[in-house]
All heavy atoms as atom14 arrays in JSON, in Angstrom:
{
  "sequence": "AAERSLTIYLNRREIVTLMTLGAEPEALVAGYLRNQGLLGELEDLE",
  "atom14_mask": [
    [1, 1, 1, 1, 1, 0, 0, 0, 0, 0, 0, 0, 0, 0],
    [1, 1, 1, 1, 1, 0, 0, 0, 0, 0, 0, 0, 0, 0],
    [1, 1, 1, 1, 1, 1, 1, 1, 1, 0, 0, 0, 0, 0],
    [1, 1, 1, 1, 1, 1, 1, 1, 1, 1, 1, 0, 0, 0],
    [1, 1, 1, 1, 1, 1, 0, 0, 0, 0, 0, 0, 0, 0],
    [1, 1, 1, 1, 1, 1, 1, 1, 0, 0, 0, 0, 0, 0],
    [1, 1, 1, 1, 1, 1, 1, 0, 0, 0, 0, 0, 0, 0],
    [1, 1, 1, 1, 1, 1, 1, 1, 0, 0, 0, 0, 0, 0],
    [1, 1, 1, 1, 1, 1, 1, 1, 1, 1, 1, 1, 0, 0],
    [1, 1, 1, 1, 1, 1, 1, 1, 0, 0, 0, 0, 0, 0],
    [1, 1, 1, 1, 1, 1, 1, 1, 0, 0, 0, 0, 0, 0],
    [1, 1, 1, 1, 1, 1, 1, 1, 1, 1, 1, 0, 0, 0],
    [1, 1, 1, 1, 1, 1, 1, 1, 1, 1, 1, 0, 0, 0],
    [1, 1, 1, 1, 1, 1, 1, 1, 1, 0, 0, 0, 0, 0],
    [1, 1, 1, 1, 1, 1, 1, 1, 0, 0, 0, 0, 0, 0],
    [1, 1, 1, 1, 1, 1, 1, 0, 0, 0, 0, 0, 0, 0],
    [1, 1, 1, 1, 1, 1, 1, 0, 0, 0, 0, 0, 0, 0],
    [1, 1, 1, 1, 1, 1, 1, 1, 0, 0, 0, 0, 0, 0],
    [1, 1, 1, 1, 1, 1, 1, 1, 0, 0, 0, 0, 0, 0],
    [1, 1, 1, 1, 1, 1, 1, 0, 0, 0, 0, 0, 0, 0],
    [1, 1, 1, 1, 1, 1, 1, 1, 0, 0, 0, 0, 0, 0],
    [1, 1, 1, 1, 0, 0, 0, 0, 0, 0, 0, 0, 0, 0],
    [1, 1, 1, 1, 1, 0, 0, 0, 0, 0, 0, 0, 0, 0],
    [1, 1, 1, 1, 1, 1, 1, 1, 1, 0, 0, 0, 0, 0],
    [1, 1, 1, 1, 1, 1, 1, 0, 0, 0, 0, 0, 0, 0],
    [1, 1, 1, 1, 1, 1, 1, 1, 1, 0, 0, 0, 0, 0],
    [1, 1, 1, 1, 1, 0, 0, 0, 0, 0, 0, 0, 0, 0],
    [1, 1, 1, 1, 1, 1, 1, 1, 0, 0, 0, 0, 0, 0],
    [1, 1, 1, 1, 1, 1, 1, 0, 0, 0, 0, 0, 0, 0],
    [1, 1, 1, 1, 1, 0, 0, 0, 0, 0, 0, 0, 0, 0],
    [1, 1, 1, 1, 0, 0, 0, 0, 0, 0, 0, 0, 0, 0],
    [1, 1, 1, 1, 1, 1, 1, 1, 1, 1, 1, 1, 0, 0],
    [1, 1, 1, 1, 1, 1, 1, 1, 0, 0, 0, 0, 0, 0],
    [1, 1, 1, 1, 1, 1, 1, 1, 1, 1, 1, 0, 0, 0],
    [1, 1, 1, 1, 1, 1, 1, 1, 0, 0, 0, 0, 0, 0],
    [1, 1, 1, 1, 1, 1, 1, 1, 1, 0, 0, 0, 0, 0],
    [1, 1, 1, 1, 0, 0, 0, 0, 0, 0, 0, 0, 0, 0],
    [1, 1, 1, 1, 1, 1, 1, 1, 0, 0, 0, 0, 0, 0],
    [1, 1, 1, 1, 1, 1, 1, 1, 0, 0, 0, 0, 0, 0],
    [1, 1, 1, 1, 0, 0, 0, 0, 0, 0, 0, 0, 0, 0],
    [1, 1, 1, 1, 1, 1, 1, 1, 1, 0, 0, 0, 0, 0],
    [1, 1, 1, 1, 1, 1, 1, 1, 0, 0, 0, 0, 0, 0],
    [1, 1, 1, 1, 1, 1, 1, 1, 1, 0, 0, 0, 0, 0],
    [1, 1, 1, 1, 1, 1, 1, 1, 0, 0, 0, 0, 0, 0],
    [1, 1, 1, 1, 1, 1, 1, 1, 0, 0, 0, 0, 0, 0],
    [1, 1, 1, 1, 1, 1, 1, 1, 1, 0, 0, 0, 0, 0]
  ],
  "atom14_positions": [
    [[-52.91, 94.28, -76.45], [-52.84, 94.39, -74.89], [-51.48, 93.86, -74.4], [-50.94, 92.9, -74.82], [-53.97, 93.44, -74.32], [0.0, 0.0, 0.0], [0.0, 0.0, 0.0], [0.0, 0.0, 0.0], [0.0, 0.0, 0.0], [0.0, 0.0, 0.0], [0.0, 0.0, 0.0], [0.0, 0.0, 0.0], [0.0, 0.0, 0.0], [0.0, 0.0, 0.0]],
    [[-50.97, 94.6, -73.41], [-49.71, 94.19, -72.82], [-49.94, 92.95, -71.94], [-51.05, 92.81, -71.46], [-49.12, 95.32, -72.0], [0.0, 0.0, 0.0], [0.0, 0.0, 0.0], [0.0, 0.0, 0.0], [0.0, 0.0, 0.0], [0.0, 0.0, 0.0], [0.0, 0.0, 0.0], [0.0, 0.0, 0.0], [0.0, 0.0, 0.0], [0.0, 0.0, 0.0]],
    [[-48.96, 92.16, -71.79], [-49.01, 91.0, -70.84], [-47.61, 90.88, -70.25], [-46.68, 90.5, -70.94], [-49.48, 89.69, -71.55], [-49.65, 88.57, -70.56], [-50.2, 87.31, -71.31], [-50.0, 87.28, -72.54], [-50.61, 86.44, -70.57], [0.0, 0.0, 0.0], [0.0, 0.0, 0.0], [0.0, 0.0, 0.0], [0.0, 0.0, 0.0], [0.0, 0.0, 0.0]],
    [[-47.56, 91.15, -68.9], [-46.31, 91.07, -68.23], [-46.33, 90.17, -67.04], [-47.4, 90.11, -66.4], [-45.91, 92.58, -67.75], [-45.95, 93.56, -68.87], [-45.92, 94.96, -68.38], [-45.63, 95.95, -69.5], [-46.51, 96.77, -69.93], [-47.79, 96.84, -69.37], [-46.31, 97.57, -70.93], [0.0, 0.0, 0.0], [0.0, 0.0, 0.0], [0.0, 0.0, 0.0]],
    [[-45.32, 89.51, -66.72], [-45.28, 88.57, -65.57], [-44.81, 89.45, -64.39], [-43.84, 90.26, -64.48], [-44.35, 87.39, -65.81], [-43.04, 87.85, -66.06], [0.0, 0.0, 0.0], [0.0, 0.0, 0.0], [0.0, 0.0, 0.0], [0.0, 0.0, 0.0], [0.0, 0.0, 0.0], [0.0, 0.0, 0.0], [0.0, 0.0, 0.0], [0.0, 0.0, 0.0]],
    [[-45.39, 89.19, -63.23], [-45.08, 89.86, -61.96], [-45.0, 88.77, -60.9], [-46.02, 88.29, -60.48], [-46.1, 90.98, -61.72], [-45.76, 91.83, -60.51], [-44.4, 92.6, -60.75], [-46.94, 92.85, -60.2], [0.0, 0.0, 0.0], [0.0, 0.0, 0.0], [0.0, 0.0, 0.0], [0.0, 0.0, 0.0], [0.0, 0.0, 0.0], [0.0, 0.0, 0.0]],
    [[-43.93, 88.53, -60.36], [-43.73, 87.53, -59.24], [-43.83, 88.28, -57.94], [-43.13, 89.23, -57.65], [-42.38, 86.81, -59.37], [-42.36, 86.14, -60.72], [-42.27, 85.72, -58.28], [0.0, 0.0, 0.0], [0.0, 0.0, 0.0], [0.0, 0.0, 0.0], [0.0, 0.0, 0.0], [0.0, 0.0, 0.0], [0.0, 0.0, 0.0], [0.0, 0.0, 0.0]],
    [[-44.64, 87.73, -57.09], [-44.85, 88.34, -55.76], [-43.94, 87.67, -54.71], [-44.03, 86.42, -54.6], [-46.32, 88.32, -55.34], [-47.24, 88.98, -56.37], [-46.56, 88.91, -53.96], [-48.7, 88.87, -56.1], [0.0, 0.0, 0.0], [0.0, 0.0, 0.0], [0.0, 0.0, 0.0], [0.0, 0.0, 0.0], [0.0, 0.0, 0.0], [0.0, 0.0, 0.0]],
    [[-43.28, 88.48, -53.94], [-42.44, 87.99, -52.83], [-43.07, 88.62, -51.53], [-43.16, 89.77, -51.41], [-40.99, 88.3, -52.97], [-40.29, 87.69, -54.13], [-40.41, 88.3, -55.4], [-39.67, 86.45, -54.01], [-39.79, 87.65, -56.49], [-39.0, 85.81, -55.11], [-39.1, 86.39, -56.3], [-38.47, 85.8, -57.36], [0.0, 0.0, 0.0], [0.0, 0.0, 0.0]],
    [[-43.45, 87.72, -50.58], [-43.99, 88.15, -49.35], [-43.05, 87.91, -48.24], [-42.66, 86.72, -47.92], [-45.36, 87.51, -49.05], [-46.01, 87.81, -47.8], [-46.35, 89.36, -47.68], [-47.29, 86.98, -47.56], [0.0, 0.0, 0.0], [0.0, 0.0, 0.0], [0.0, 0.0, 0.0], [0.0, 0.0, 0.0], [0.0, 0.0, 0.0], [0.0, 0.0, 0.0]],
    [[-42.39, 88.99, -47.72], [-41.27, 88.87, -46.7], [-40.27, 87.84, -47.2], [-39.83, 86.91, -46.57], [-41.8, 88.34, -45.37], [-42.7, 89.34, -44.64], [-42.87, 90.46, -45.18], [-43.24, 89.07, -43.62], [0.0, 0.0, 0.0], [0.0, 0.0, 0.0], [0.0, 0.0, 0.0], [0.0, 0.0, 0.0], [0.0, 0.0, 0.0], [0.0, 0.0, 0.0]],
    [[-39.88, 88.16, -48.45], [-38.73, 87.38, -49.22], [-39.14, 86.06, -49.63], [-38.25, 85.27, -50.14], [-37.48, 87.36, -48.36], [-36.93, 88.7, -47.99], [-35.56, 88.59, -47.32], [-35.0, 89.86, -47.03], [-33.84, 90.13, -46.54], [-33.02, 89.07, -46.11], [-33.32, 91.39, -46.34], [0.0, 0.0, 0.0], [0.0, 0.0, 0.0], [0.0, 0.0, 0.0]],
    [[-40.36, 85.6, -49.45], [-40.83, 84.28, -49.81], [-41.62, 84.41, -51.08], [-42.62, 85.21, -51.26], [-41.61, 83.66, -48.76], [-42.27, 82.29, -49.23], [-42.82, 81.55, -48.06], [-43.25, 80.23, -48.45], [-43.51, 79.32, -47.62], [-43.46, 79.47, -46.25], [-43.96, 78.08, -48.07], [0.0, 0.0, 0.0], [0.0, 0.0, 0.0], [0.0, 0.0, 0.0]],
    [[-41.18, 83.62, -52.16], [-41.98, 83.61, -53.46], [-43.33, 83.01, -53.2], [-43.46, 82.01, -52.74], [-41.15, 82.97, -54.53], [-41.82, 82.96, -55.86], [-41.04, 82.32, -57.0], [-39.74, 82.22, -56.76], [-41.6, 81.88, -58.0], [0.0, 0.0, 0.0], [0.0, 0.0, 0.0], [0.0, 0.0, 0.0], [0.0, 0.0, 0.0], [0.0, 0.0, 0.0]],
    [[-44.37, 83.81, -53.68], [-45.68, 83.31, -53.49], [-46.35, 82.92, -54.83], [-46.83, 81.79, -54.9], [-46.61, 84.5, -52.94], [-46.04, 84.98, -51.55], [-48.04, 84.05, -52.79], [-46.03, 83.86, -50.5], [0.0, 0.0, 0.0], [0.0, 0.0, 0.0], [0.0, 0.0, 0.0], [0.0, 0.0, 0.0], [0.0, 0.0, 0.0], [0.0, 0.0, 0.0]],
    [[-46.34, 83.69, -55.83], [-47.07, 83.37, -57.1], [-46.6, 84.37, -58.18], [-46.08, 85.4, -57.8], [-48.54, 83.51, -56.91], [-49.01, 84.96, -56.77], [-49.35, 82.75, -58.01], [0.0, 0.0, 0.0], [0.0, 0.0, 0.0], [0.0, 0.0, 0.0], [0.0, 0.0, 0.0], [0.0, 0.0, 0.0], [0.0, 0.0, 0.0], [0.0, 0.0, 0.0]],
    [[-46.72, 83.95, -59.45], [-46.46, 84.87, -60.5], [-47.82, 85.1, -61.17], [-48.46, 84.16, -61.61], [-45.48, 84.25, -61.49], [-44.2, 84.06, -60.87], [-45.33, 85.19, -62.71], [0.0, 0.0, 0.0], [0.0, 0.0, 0.0], [0.0, 0.0, 0.0], [0.0, 0.0, 0.0], [0.0, 0.0, 0.0], [0.0, 0.0, 0.0], [0.0, 0.0, 0.0]],
    [[-48.13, 86.46, -61.36], [-49.31, 86.85, -62.02], [-49.0, 87.44, -63.38], [-47.92, 88.02, -63.59], [-50.02, 87.98, -61.17], [-50.37, 87.54, -59.77], [-50.98, 88.77, -59.06], [-51.34, 86.42, -59.68], [0.0, 0.0, 0.0], [0.0, 0.0, 0.0], [0.0, 0.0, 0.0], [0.0, 0.0, 0.0], [0.0, 0.0, 0.0], [0.0, 0.0, 0.0]],
    [[-49.86, 87.27, -64.34], [-49.76, 87.9, -65.66], [-50.68, 89.03, -65.63], [-51.9, 88.95, -65.36], [-50.1, 86.88, -66.7], [-49.29, 85.62, -66.66], [-47.48, 85.91, -66.72], [-47.31, 86.7, -68.37], [0.0, 0.0, 0.0], [0.0, 0.0, 0.0], [0.0, 0.0, 0.0], [0.0, 0.0, 0.0], [0.0, 0.0, 0.0], [0.0, 0.0, 0.0]],
    [[-50.16, 90.25, -65.97], [-50.97, 91.53, -65.92], [-50.66, 92.46, -66.87], [-49.54, 92.45, -67.52], [-50.86, 92.09, -64.42], [-51.46, 93.26, -64.34], [-49.3, 92.3, -64.25], [0.0, 0.0, 0.0], [0.0, 0.0, 0.0], [0.0, 0.0, 0.0], [0.0, 0.0, 0.0], [0.0, 0.0, 0.0], [0.0, 0.0, 0.0], [0.0, 0.0, 0.0]],
    [[-51.54, 93.39, -67.1], [-51.25, 94.56, -68.06], [-50.18, 95.46, -67.41], [-49.41, 96.08, -68.11], [-52.53, 95.39, -68.24], [-53.69, 94.81, -69.04], [-54.8, 95.78, -69.17], [-53.23, 94.43, -70.47], [0.0, 0.0, 0.0], [0.0, 0.0, 0.0], [0.0, 0.0, 0.0], [0.0, 0.0, 0.0], [0.0, 0.0, 0.0], [0.0, 0.0, 0.0]],
    [[-50.26, 95.63, -66.06], [-49.28, 96.45, -65.47], [-49.76, 97.88, -65.14], [-49.03, 98.77, -64.77], [0.0, 0.0, 0.0], [0.0, 0.0, 0.0], [0.0, 0.0, 0.0], [0.0, 0.0, 0.0], [0.0, 0.0, 0.0], [0.0, 0.0, 0.0], [0.0, 0.0, 0.0], [0.0, 0.0, 0.0], [0.0, 0.0, 0.0], [0.0, 0.0, 0.0]],
    [[-51.06, 98.14, -65.33], [-51.56, 99.47, -65.06], [-51.58, 99.93, -63.56], [-51.26, 101.02, -63.26], [-52.96, 99.58, -65.6], [0.0, 0.0, 0.0], [0.0, 0.0, 0.0], [0.0, 0.0, 0.0], [0.0, 0.0, 0.0], [0.0, 0.0, 0.0], [0.0, 0.0, 0.0], [0.0, 0.0, 0.0], [0.0, 0.0, 0.0], [0.0, 0.0, 0.0]],
    [[-51.96, 98.98, -62.7], [-51.97, 99.28, -61.22], [-51.32, 98.07, -60.56], [-52.03, 97.39, -59.77], [-53.44, 99.49, -60.82], [-54.13, 100.66, -61.45], [-53.83, 101.95, -60.68], [-53.02, 101.92, -59.73], [-54.22, 103.08, -61.16], [0.0, 0.0, 0.0], [0.0, 0.0, 0.0], [0.0, 0.0, 0.0], [0.0, 0.0, 0.0], [0.0, 0.0, 0.0]],
    [[-50.07, 97.87, -60.68], [-49.42, 96.66, -60.14], [-49.44, 96.68, -58.57], [-49.66, 95.54, -57.94], [-48.0, 96.74, -60.6], [-47.72, 98.09, -60.89], [-49.02, 98.69, -61.42], [0.0, 0.0, 0.0], [0.0, 0.0, 0.0], [0.0, 0.0, 0.0], [0.0, 0.0, 0.0], [0.0, 0.0, 0.0], [0.0, 0.0, 0.0], [0.0, 0.0, 0.0]],
    [[-49.26, 97.79, -57.92], [-49.26, 97.72, -56.42], [-50.67, 97.35, -55.87], [-50.75, 96.53, -54.93], [-48.89, 99.16, -55.94], [-47.42, 99.45, -56.21], [-47.23, 100.05, -57.6], [-48.21, 100.26, -58.36], [-46.03, 100.25, -58.01], [0.0, 0.0, 0.0], [0.0, 0.0, 0.0], [0.0, 0.0, 0.0], [0.0, 0.0, 0.0], [0.0, 0.0, 0.0]],
    [[-51.67, 97.89, -56.54], [-53.1, 97.65, -56.11], [-53.44, 96.18, -56.3], [-54.07, 95.48, -55.54], [-54.09, 98.49, -56.75], [0.0, 0.0, 0.0], [0.0, 0.0, 0.0], [0.0, 0.0, 0.0], [0.0, 0.0, 0.0], [0.0, 0.0, 0.0], [0.0, 0.0, 0.0], [0.0, 0.0, 0.0], [0.0, 0.0, 0.0], [0.0, 0.0, 0.0]],
    [[-52.98, 95.65, -57.46], [-53.11, 94.16, -57.84], [-52.5, 93.28, -56.77], [-53.08, 92.41, -56.31], [-52.48, 93.93, -59.17], [-52.41, 92.42, -59.55], [-53.73, 91.72, -59.54], [-51.68, 92.2, -60.93], [0.0, 0.0, 0.0], [0.0, 0.0, 0.0], [0.0, 0.0, 0.0], [0.0, 0.0, 0.0], [0.0, 0.0, 0.0], [0.0, 0.0, 0.0]],
    [[-51.26, 93.6, -56.41], [-50.52, 92.8, -55.44], [-51.18, 92.83, -54.16], [-51.42, 91.82, -53.43], [-49.06, 93.19, -55.34], [-48.32, 92.54, -54.14], [-48.31, 92.9, -56.69], [0.0, 0.0, 0.0], [0.0, 0.0, 0.0], [0.0, 0.0, 0.0], [0.0, 0.0, 0.0], [0.0, 0.0, 0.0], [0.0, 0.0, 0.0], [0.0, 0.0, 0.0]],
    [[-51.52, 94.06, -53.67], [-52.18, 94.21, -52.35], [-53.55, 93.51, -52.34], [-53.79, 92.86, -51.32], [-52.25, 95.65, -52.04], [0.0, 0.0, 0.0], [0.0, 0.0, 0.0], [0.0, 0.0, 0.0], [0.0, 0.0, 0.0], [0.0, 0.0, 0.0], [0.0, 0.0, 0.0], [0.0, 0.0, 0.0], [0.0, 0.0, 0.0], [0.0, 0.0, 0.0]],
    [[-54.37, 93.67, -53.41], [-55.65, 93.03, -53.37], [-55.53, 91.58, -53.5], [-56.4, 90.85, -52.82], [0.0, 0.0, 0.0], [0.0, 0.0, 0.0], [0.0, 0.0, 0.0], [0.0, 0.0, 0.0], [0.0, 0.0, 0.0], [0.0, 0.0, 0.0], [0.0, 0.0, 0.0], [0.0, 0.0, 0.0], [0.0, 0.0, 0.0], [0.0, 0.0, 0.0]],
    [[-54.61, 91.0, -54.28], [-54.41, 89.59, -54.34], [-54.06, 88.96, -52.95], [-54.71, 88.04, -52.51], [-53.35, 89.2, -55.38], [-52.99, 87.8, -55.52], [-53.75, 87.05, -56.27], [-52.1, 87.16, -54.67], [-53.59, 85.57, -56.44], [-51.78, 85.76, -54.83], [-52.61, 85.05, -55.65], [-52.4, 83.59, -55.75], [0.0, 0.0, 0.0], [0.0, 0.0, 0.0]],
    [[-53.06, 89.49, -52.28], [-52.64, 88.97, -51.05], [-53.72, 89.2, -50.0], [-53.93, 88.32, -49.12], [-51.36, 89.68, -50.48], [-50.12, 89.3, -51.43], [-48.94, 90.21, -50.93], [-49.8, 87.86, -51.39], [0.0, 0.0, 0.0], [0.0, 0.0, 0.0], [0.0, 0.0, 0.0], [0.0, 0.0, 0.0], [0.0, 0.0, 0.0], [0.0, 0.0, 0.0]],
    [[-54.48, 90.31, -50.08], [-55.59, 90.53, -49.07], [-56.69, 89.53, -49.35], [-57.22, 88.92, -48.33], [-56.12, 91.95, -49.36], [-57.29, 92.3, -48.53], [-56.99, 92.72, -47.1], [-58.03, 93.26, -46.4], [-58.14, 93.44, -45.15], [-57.1, 92.99, -44.37], [-59.15, 93.99, -44.49], [0.0, 0.0, 0.0], [0.0, 0.0, 0.0], [0.0, 0.0, 0.0]],
    [[-57.09, 89.37, -50.57], [-58.19, 88.33, -50.86], [-57.84, 86.94, -50.52], [-58.65, 86.14, -50.24], [-58.59, 88.48, -52.35], [-59.4, 89.66, -52.65], [-60.18, 90.19, -51.68], [-59.45, 90.16, -53.81], [0.0, 0.0, 0.0], [0.0, 0.0, 0.0], [0.0, 0.0, 0.0], [0.0, 0.0, 0.0], [0.0, 0.0, 0.0], [0.0, 0.0, 0.0]],
    [[-56.47, 86.56, -50.59], [-56.07, 85.27, -50.24], [-55.92, 85.06, -48.77], [-55.56, 83.99, -48.28], [-54.76, 84.95, -50.93], [-54.82, 84.97, -52.44], [-55.76, 83.95, -53.05], [-55.93, 82.82, -52.42], [-56.33, 84.18, -54.15], [0.0, 0.0, 0.0], [0.0, 0.0, 0.0], [0.0, 0.0, 0.0], [0.0, 0.0, 0.0], [0.0, 0.0, 0.0]],
    [[-56.05, 86.14, -47.97], [-55.99, 86.07, -46.52], [-54.55, 86.0, -46.09], [-54.16, 85.69, -44.94], [0.0, 0.0, 0.0], [0.0, 0.0, 0.0], [0.0, 0.0, 0.0], [0.0, 0.0, 0.0], [0.0, 0.0, 0.0], [0.0, 0.0, 0.0], [0.0, 0.0, 0.0], [0.0, 0.0, 0.0], [0.0, 0.0, 0.0], [0.0, 0.0, 0.0]],
    [[-53.57, 86.5, -46.95], [-52.09, 86.51, -46.66], [-51.75, 87.86, -46.16], [-50.57, 88.02, -45.56], [-51.35, 86.17, -47.86], [-51.58, 84.69, -48.38], [-50.85, 84.51, -49.69], [-51.35, 83.68, -47.37], [0.0, 0.0, 0.0], [0.0, 0.0, 0.0], [0.0, 0.0, 0.0], [0.0, 0.0, 0.0], [0.0, 0.0, 0.0], [0.0, 0.0, 0.0]],
    [[-52.48, 88.87, -46.27], [-52.25, 90.3, -45.7], [-53.3, 90.5, -44.71], [-54.54, 90.33, -45.07], [-52.27, 91.31, -46.83], [-50.91, 91.7, -47.44], [-51.11, 92.91, -48.48], [-49.92, 92.13, -46.42], [0.0, 0.0, 0.0], [0.0, 0.0, 0.0], [0.0, 0.0, 0.0], [0.0, 0.0, 0.0], [0.0, 0.0, 0.0], [0.0, 0.0, 0.0]],
    [[-52.96, 91.05, -43.55], [-53.96, 91.35, -42.56], [-54.5, 92.79, -42.61], [-55.08, 93.17, -43.55], [0.0, 0.0, 0.0], [0.0, 0.0, 0.0], [0.0, 0.0, 0.0], [0.0, 0.0, 0.0], [0.0, 0.0, 0.0], [0.0, 0.0, 0.0], [0.0, 0.0, 0.0], [0.0, 0.0, 0.0], [0.0, 0.0, 0.0], [0.0, 0.0, 0.0]],
    [[-54.14, 93.57, -41.54], [-54.51, 94.93, -41.54], [-53.58, 95.83, -42.23], [-52.43, 95.51, -42.38], [-54.58, 95.36, -40.01], [-55.54, 94.56, -39.17], [-56.92, 94.59, -39.64], [-57.41, 95.64, -40.11], [-57.62, 93.58, -39.7], [0.0, 0.0, 0.0], [0.0, 0.0, 0.0], [0.0, 0.0, 0.0], [0.0, 0.0, 0.0], [0.0, 0.0, 0.0]],
    [[-54.05, 96.97, -42.62], [-53.25, 97.98, -43.34], [-51.98, 98.38, -42.54], [-50.97, 98.71, -43.03], [-54.06, 99.14, -43.76], [-53.56, 100.15, -44.71], [-53.03, 99.44, -45.99], [-54.47, 101.29, -45.03], [0.0, 0.0, 0.0], [0.0, 0.0, 0.0], [0.0, 0.0, 0.0], [0.0, 0.0, 0.0], [0.0, 0.0, 0.0], [0.0, 0.0, 0.0]],
    [[-52.22, 98.47, -41.22], [-51.16, 98.83, -40.32], [-49.95, 97.81, -40.3], [-48.82, 98.14, -39.92], [-51.63, 98.89, -38.84], [-52.64, 100.07, -38.6], [-54.03, 99.83, -39.11], [-54.35, 98.68, -39.48], [-54.86, 100.75, -39.1], [0.0, 0.0, 0.0], [0.0, 0.0, 0.0], [0.0, 0.0, 0.0], [0.0, 0.0, 0.0], [0.0, 0.0, 0.0]],
    [[-50.22, 96.58, -40.82], [-49.1, 95.63, -40.9], [-48.2, 95.83, -42.04], [-47.07, 95.24, -42.19], [-49.77, 94.23, -41.0], [-50.46, 93.85, -39.73], [-50.15, 94.43, -38.58], [-51.31, 92.9, -39.75], [0.0, 0.0, 0.0], [0.0, 0.0, 0.0], [0.0, 0.0, 0.0], [0.0, 0.0, 0.0], [0.0, 0.0, 0.0], [0.0, 0.0, 0.0]],
    [[-48.67, 96.62, -43.04], [-47.86, 96.79, -44.25], [-46.73, 97.8, -44.07], [-46.89, 98.92, -43.73], [-48.79, 97.34, -45.43], [-48.16, 97.41, -46.8], [-47.64, 96.0, -47.33], [-49.15, 98.1, -47.75], [0.0, 0.0, 0.0], [0.0, 0.0, 0.0], [0.0, 0.0, 0.0], [0.0, 0.0, 0.0], [0.0, 0.0, 0.0], [0.0, 0.0, 0.0]],
    [[-45.48, 97.3, -44.29], [-44.33, 98.18, -44.2], [-43.87, 98.69, -45.61], [-43.48, 99.88, -45.74], [-43.2, 97.4, -43.62], [-43.2, 97.18, -42.14], [-41.96, 96.6, -41.49], [-40.93, 96.73, -42.16], [-42.08, 96.21, -40.37], [0.0, 0.0, 0.0], [0.0, 0.0, 0.0], [0.0, 0.0, 0.0], [0.0, 0.0, 0.0], [0.0, 0.0, 0.0]]
  ]
}
């Protein structure tokens, strides 16, 4: 299994580093921030 580090920056601020396979990294990041209450509505995403 692959294991890759992915550091998330939210509006240039470092939030957390996740270890992941890397199959769906965008969905992982969006879901993580959404579940943590750090992302609001889809309309807010640039």
